[in-house]
Amino acid sequence: MSAPAPGQRMPGSFGESKPATPEVQAIADKVRPEVESHIGALSEYVAEQFRTQVVAGTNYAIKVRVSAGHYIHIKVYKPLGDAEPTLSGVDKDKTASDALDKITPTH
């Protein structure tokens, strides 16, 4: 298989980072209780960037600001249809400049 042309991505890979949307914030909010069960209570929880990967549903890699200058990265799987999203990875101790990739699985 040849490499994709410039500006294209490999099928099944994550797309480029984009500013978070209200829809992405809503997805992040649905998994917040599970995120907090892994890393503790958070007073701030604002999705700032995201990337997606289309599979049998969609994987979201989301950069979430948890305090000034402090971030976490979460990976959320949103199945097709009306099923609820599930947390599949979380990394803490991130910064605004950290790349949004290779998030540690939660299980």
N, C-alpha and C. Protein backbone atom coordinates (compact mmCIF):
# COMPACT_ATOMS: atom_id res chain seq x y z
N MET A 1 0.85 -1.17 0.00
CA MET A 1 0.00 0.00 0.00
C MET A 1 0.90 1.24 0.00
N SER A 2 0.62 2.16 -0.87
CA SER A 2 1.45 3.36 -0.95
C SER A 2 1.01 4.40 0.07
N ALA A 3 1.90 5.33 0.36
CA ALA A 3 1.61 6.39 1.32
C ALA A 3 0.55 7.32 0.73
N PRO A 4 -0.27 7.94 1.62
CA PRO A 4 -1.29 8.85 1.11
C PRO A 4 -0.65 10.12 0.54
N ALA A 5 -1.35 10.77 -0.35
CA ALA A 5 -0.87 12.03 -0.92
C ALA A 5 -0.83 13.09 0.19
N PRO A 6 0.01 14.12 0.02
CA PRO A 6 0.05 15.19 1.01
C PRO A 6 -1.35 15.73 1.28
N GLY A 7 -1.66 15.95 2.58
CA GLY A 7 -2.97 16.47 2.96
C GLY A 7 -4.02 15.38 3.16
N GLN A 8 -3.69 14.13 2.80
CA GLN A 8 -4.61 13.02 3.02
C GLN A 8 -4.07 12.17 4.15
N ARG A 9 -4.95 11.36 4.75
CA ARG A 9 -4.50 10.49 5.84
C ARG A 9 -4.75 9.04 5.48
N MET A 10 -4.05 8.17 6.17
CA MET A 10 -4.23 6.74 5.95
C MET A 10 -5.63 6.35 6.39
N PRO A 11 -6.29 5.46 5.65
CA PRO A 11 -7.61 4.99 6.09
C PRO A 11 -7.51 4.40 7.50
N GLY A 12 -8.47 4.77 8.36
CA GLY A 12 -8.48 4.26 9.72
C GLY A 12 -7.62 5.02 10.70
N SER A 13 -6.87 6.02 10.23
CA SER A 13 -6.01 6.78 11.14
C SER A 13 -6.78 7.98 11.69
N PHE A 14 -6.23 8.58 12.75
CA PHE A 14 -6.82 9.78 13.31
C PHE A 14 -6.59 10.96 12.39
N GLY A 15 -7.58 11.85 12.30
CA GLY A 15 -7.45 13.07 11.52
C GLY A 15 -6.65 14.12 12.28
N GLU A 16 -6.54 15.30 11.68
CA GLU A 16 -5.82 16.41 12.28
C GLU A 16 -6.58 16.97 13.49
N SER A 17 -5.84 17.60 14.41
CA SER A 17 -6.46 18.26 15.56
C SER A 17 -7.26 19.46 15.10
N LYS A 18 -8.43 19.62 15.71
CA LYS A 18 -9.31 20.75 15.42
C LYS A 18 -9.80 21.34 16.73
N PRO A 19 -10.24 22.59 16.72
CA PRO A 19 -10.83 23.17 17.93
C PRO A 19 -12.08 22.38 18.33
N ALA A 20 -12.26 22.19 19.62
CA ALA A 20 -13.42 21.45 20.11
C ALA A 20 -14.71 22.20 19.78
N THR A 21 -15.76 21.43 19.57
CA THR A 21 -17.09 21.96 19.27
C THR A 21 -18.01 21.66 20.45
N PRO A 22 -19.19 22.26 20.50
CA PRO A 22 -20.14 21.90 21.56
C PRO A 22 -20.47 20.40 21.59
N GLU A 23 -20.52 19.76 20.41
CA GLU A 23 -20.78 18.32 20.35
C GLU A 23 -19.66 17.54 21.04
N VAL A 24 -18.42 17.94 20.81
CA VAL A 24 -17.28 17.27 21.45
C VAL A 24 -17.31 17.49 22.96
N GLN A 25 -17.65 18.69 23.40
CA GLN A 25 -17.76 18.95 24.84
C GLN A 25 -18.83 18.05 25.45
N ALA A 26 -19.95 17.88 24.75
CA ALA A 26 -21.03 17.02 25.26
C ALA A 26 -20.56 15.57 25.38
N ILE A 27 -19.78 15.10 24.41
CA ILE A 27 -19.24 13.73 24.48
C ILE A 27 -18.29 13.61 25.66
N ALA A 28 -17.41 14.59 25.83
CA ALA A 28 -16.48 14.58 26.97
C ALA A 28 -17.25 14.62 28.29
N ASP A 29 -18.30 15.42 28.36
CA ASP A 29 -19.10 15.52 29.59
C ASP A 29 -19.73 14.19 29.96
N LYS A 30 -20.15 13.40 28.97
CA LYS A 30 -20.80 12.12 29.26
C LYS A 30 -19.86 11.13 29.94
N VAL A 31 -18.55 11.24 29.67
CA VAL A 31 -17.59 10.31 30.29
C VAL A 31 -16.87 10.92 31.48
N ARG A 32 -17.21 12.16 31.85
CA ARG A 32 -16.51 12.83 32.96
C ARG A 32 -16.53 12.00 34.26
N PRO A 33 -17.66 11.41 34.66
CA PRO A 33 -17.62 10.61 35.89
C PRO A 33 -16.59 9.48 35.84
N GLU A 34 -16.48 8.83 34.69
CA GLU A 34 -15.49 7.75 34.55
C GLU A 34 -14.07 8.31 34.55
N VAL A 35 -13.86 9.46 33.90
CA VAL A 35 -12.54 10.11 33.93
C VAL A 35 -12.15 10.41 35.38
N GLU A 36 -13.08 10.99 36.13
CA GLU A 36 -12.79 11.35 37.53
C GLU A 36 -12.55 10.12 38.39
N SER A 37 -13.16 8.99 38.04
CA SER A 37 -12.90 7.76 38.81
C SER A 37 -11.46 7.28 38.60
N HIS A 38 -10.86 7.66 37.48
CA HIS A 38 -9.47 7.27 37.19
C HIS A 38 -8.45 8.27 37.76
N ILE A 39 -8.78 9.56 37.74
CA ILE A 39 -7.76 10.55 38.11
C ILE A 39 -8.17 11.50 39.23
N GLY A 40 -9.38 11.38 39.75
CA GLY A 40 -9.84 12.24 40.84
C GLY A 40 -10.73 13.37 40.34
N ALA A 41 -11.36 14.06 41.30
CA ALA A 41 -12.31 15.13 40.98
C ALA A 41 -11.61 16.28 40.26
N LEU A 42 -12.33 16.87 39.31
CA LEU A 42 -11.80 17.97 38.52
C LEU A 42 -12.72 19.18 38.67
N SER A 43 -12.16 20.34 38.99
CA SER A 43 -12.98 21.54 39.14
C SER A 43 -13.24 22.21 37.79
N GLU A 44 -12.36 21.99 36.83
CA GLU A 44 -12.51 22.54 35.48
C GLU A 44 -12.45 21.37 34.51
N TYR A 45 -13.22 21.46 33.43
CA TYR A 45 -13.28 20.34 32.47
C TYR A 45 -13.77 20.89 31.14
N VAL A 46 -12.84 21.46 30.37
CA VAL A 46 -13.19 22.16 29.13
C VAL A 46 -12.45 21.52 27.96
N ALA A 47 -13.21 20.92 27.04
CA ALA A 47 -12.61 20.34 25.83
C ALA A 47 -12.09 21.48 24.96
N GLU A 48 -10.81 21.38 24.55
CA GLU A 48 -10.22 22.44 23.72
C GLU A 48 -9.88 21.99 22.31
N GLN A 49 -9.44 20.75 22.15
CA GLN A 49 -9.07 20.22 20.83
C GLN A 49 -9.54 18.79 20.73
N PHE A 50 -9.67 18.31 19.49
CA PHE A 50 -10.02 16.91 19.30
C PHE A 50 -9.54 16.42 17.95
N ARG A 51 -9.45 15.10 17.85
CA ARG A 51 -9.18 14.40 16.61
C ARG A 51 -10.17 13.24 16.55
N THR A 52 -10.51 12.80 15.35
CA THR A 52 -11.41 11.66 15.23
C THR A 52 -10.81 10.57 14.36
N GLN A 53 -11.30 9.36 14.62
CA GLN A 53 -10.94 8.18 13.83
C GLN A 53 -12.24 7.41 13.59
N VAL A 54 -12.60 7.26 12.33
CA VAL A 54 -13.81 6.53 12.00
C VAL A 54 -13.50 5.04 11.99
N VAL A 55 -14.25 4.31 12.81
CA VAL A 55 -14.16 2.85 12.88
C VAL A 55 -15.60 2.35 12.76
N ALA A 56 -16.02 1.35 13.48
CA ALA A 56 -17.43 0.96 13.54
C ALA A 56 -18.07 1.87 14.58
N GLY A 57 -18.12 3.14 14.29
CA GLY A 57 -18.45 4.22 15.21
C GLY A 57 -17.32 5.24 15.05
N THR A 58 -17.07 6.02 16.10
CA THR A 58 -16.01 7.03 16.03
C THR A 58 -15.21 7.04 17.32
N ASN A 59 -13.88 7.03 17.20
CA ASN A 59 -13.00 7.28 18.34
C ASN A 59 -12.69 8.77 18.36
N TYR A 60 -12.78 9.36 19.53
CA TYR A 60 -12.42 10.76 19.73
C TYR A 60 -11.22 10.83 20.65
N ALA A 61 -10.18 11.54 20.25
CA ALA A 61 -9.07 11.90 21.13
C ALA A 61 -9.32 13.37 21.48
N ILE A 62 -9.48 13.66 22.78
CA ILE A 62 -9.89 14.99 23.21
C ILE A 62 -8.92 15.55 24.23
N LYS A 63 -8.45 16.78 23.98
CA LYS A 63 -7.61 17.49 24.94
C LYS A 63 -8.54 18.32 25.82
N VAL A 64 -8.50 18.07 27.14
CA VAL A 64 -9.38 18.74 28.09
C VAL A 64 -8.55 19.56 29.07
N ARG A 65 -8.88 20.86 29.18
CA ARG A 65 -8.22 21.72 30.17
C ARG A 65 -8.86 21.46 31.52
N VAL A 66 -8.01 21.14 32.52
CA VAL A 66 -8.52 20.86 33.86
C VAL A 66 -8.13 21.94 34.86
N SER A 67 -7.23 22.83 34.49
CA SER A 67 -6.88 24.03 35.25
C SER A 67 -5.94 24.85 34.37
N ALA A 68 -5.61 26.04 34.79
CA ALA A 68 -4.75 26.91 33.98
C ALA A 68 -3.43 26.20 33.68
N GLY A 69 -3.17 25.94 32.40
CA GLY A 69 -1.93 25.32 31.98
C GLY A 69 -1.85 23.82 32.18
N HIS A 70 -2.91 23.20 32.67
CA HIS A 70 -2.92 21.75 32.92
C HIS A 70 -4.03 21.08 32.12
N TYR A 71 -3.66 19.96 31.49
CA TYR A 71 -4.57 19.27 30.59
C TYR A 71 -4.55 17.77 30.84
N ILE A 72 -5.60 17.13 30.39
CA ILE A 72 -5.62 15.67 30.29
C ILE A 72 -5.99 15.35 28.84
N HIS A 73 -5.64 14.16 28.40
CA HIS A 73 -6.06 13.66 27.10
C HIS A 73 -6.96 12.46 27.36
N ILE A 74 -8.12 12.45 26.72
CA ILE A 74 -9.02 11.30 26.86
C ILE A 74 -9.33 10.73 25.49
N LYS A 75 -9.57 9.43 25.47
CA LYS A 75 -10.01 8.76 24.25
C LYS A 75 -11.39 8.20 24.54
N VAL A 76 -12.33 8.54 23.68
CA VAL A 76 -13.73 8.15 23.86
C VAL A 76 -14.21 7.45 22.60
N TYR A 77 -14.88 6.33 22.79
CA TYR A 77 -15.48 5.60 21.67
C TYR A 77 -16.97 5.90 21.65
N LYS A 78 -17.46 6.40 20.52
CA LYS A 78 -18.89 6.67 20.32
C LYS A 78 -19.39 5.70 19.26
N PRO A 79 -20.19 4.69 19.70
CA PRO A 79 -20.72 3.72 18.74
C PRO A 79 -21.69 4.38 17.77
N LEU A 80 -21.99 3.68 16.69
CA LEU A 80 -23.02 4.13 15.76
C LEU A 80 -24.37 4.13 16.46
N GLY A 81 -25.28 4.95 16.00
CA GLY A 81 -26.63 4.99 16.57
C GLY A 81 -26.70 5.81 17.84
N ASP A 82 -27.61 5.41 18.72
CA ASP A 82 -27.88 6.19 19.94
C ASP A 82 -27.14 5.69 21.17
N ALA A 83 -26.24 4.74 21.02
CA ALA A 83 -25.51 4.21 22.18
C ALA A 83 -24.65 5.29 22.81
N GLU A 84 -24.48 5.21 24.11
CA GLU A 84 -23.69 6.19 24.86
C GLU A 84 -22.20 6.01 24.59
N PRO A 85 -21.44 7.11 24.61
CA PRO A 85 -19.98 7.01 24.45
C PRO A 85 -19.35 6.36 25.68
N THR A 86 -18.19 5.74 25.48
CA THR A 86 -17.47 5.12 26.59
C THR A 86 -16.02 5.59 26.59
N LEU A 87 -15.47 5.75 27.77
CA LEU A 87 -14.07 6.13 27.93
C LEU A 87 -13.20 4.92 27.61
N SER A 88 -12.20 5.10 26.75
CA SER A 88 -11.30 3.99 26.44
C SER A 88 -9.84 4.31 26.74
N GLY A 89 -9.54 5.56 27.14
CA GLY A 89 -8.17 5.92 27.50
C GLY A 89 -8.11 7.27 28.18
N VAL A 90 -7.10 7.44 29.04
CA VAL A 90 -6.91 8.73 29.71
C VAL A 90 -5.44 8.89 30.08
N ASP A 91 -4.91 10.08 29.83
CA ASP A 91 -3.56 10.46 30.24
C ASP A 91 -3.65 11.78 30.98
N LYS A 92 -2.99 11.87 32.14
CA LYS A 92 -2.99 13.13 32.88
C LYS A 92 -1.62 13.79 32.76
N ASP A 93 -1.48 14.94 33.41
CA ASP A 93 -0.22 15.69 33.42
C ASP A 93 0.22 16.09 32.01
N LYS A 94 -0.69 16.61 31.21
CA LYS A 94 -0.39 17.08 29.86
C LYS A 94 -0.33 18.60 29.85
N THR A 95 0.27 19.15 28.81
CA THR A 95 0.35 20.60 28.63
C THR A 95 -0.37 20.98 27.34
N ALA A 96 -0.55 22.27 27.13
CA ALA A 96 -1.23 22.75 25.93
C ALA A 96 -0.49 22.33 24.66
N SER A 97 0.83 22.19 24.73
CA SER A 97 1.61 21.87 23.54
C SER A 97 1.79 20.37 23.29
N ASP A 98 1.37 19.52 24.22
CA ASP A 98 1.52 18.07 24.02
C ASP A 98 0.65 17.59 22.86
N ALA A 99 1.23 16.74 22.01
CA ALA A 99 0.49 16.18 20.88
C ALA A 99 -0.63 15.29 21.39
N LEU A 100 -1.72 15.30 20.69
CA LEU A 100 -2.92 14.54 21.05
C LEU A 100 -2.87 13.17 20.36
N ASP A 101 -2.03 12.28 20.91
CA ASP A 101 -1.90 10.95 20.33
C ASP A 101 -1.45 9.95 21.39
N LYS A 102 -1.55 8.69 21.05
CA LYS A 102 -1.09 7.57 21.90
C LYS A 102 -1.59 7.69 23.34
N ILE A 103 -2.88 7.71 23.51
CA ILE A 103 -3.50 7.82 24.83
C ILE A 103 -3.54 6.44 25.49
N THR A 104 -3.12 6.38 26.76
CA THR A 104 -3.04 5.13 27.50
C THR A 104 -4.43 4.52 27.70
N PRO A 105 -4.62 3.25 27.32
CA PRO A 105 -5.92 2.60 27.51
C PRO A 105 -6.31 2.53 29.00
N THR A 106 -7.60 2.57 29.28
CA THR A 106 -8.08 2.51 30.66
C THR A 106 -8.24 1.10 31.16
N HIS A 107 -8.24 0.10 30.29
CA HIS A 107 -8.42 -1.28 30.74
C HIS A 107 -7.26 -2.14 30.43
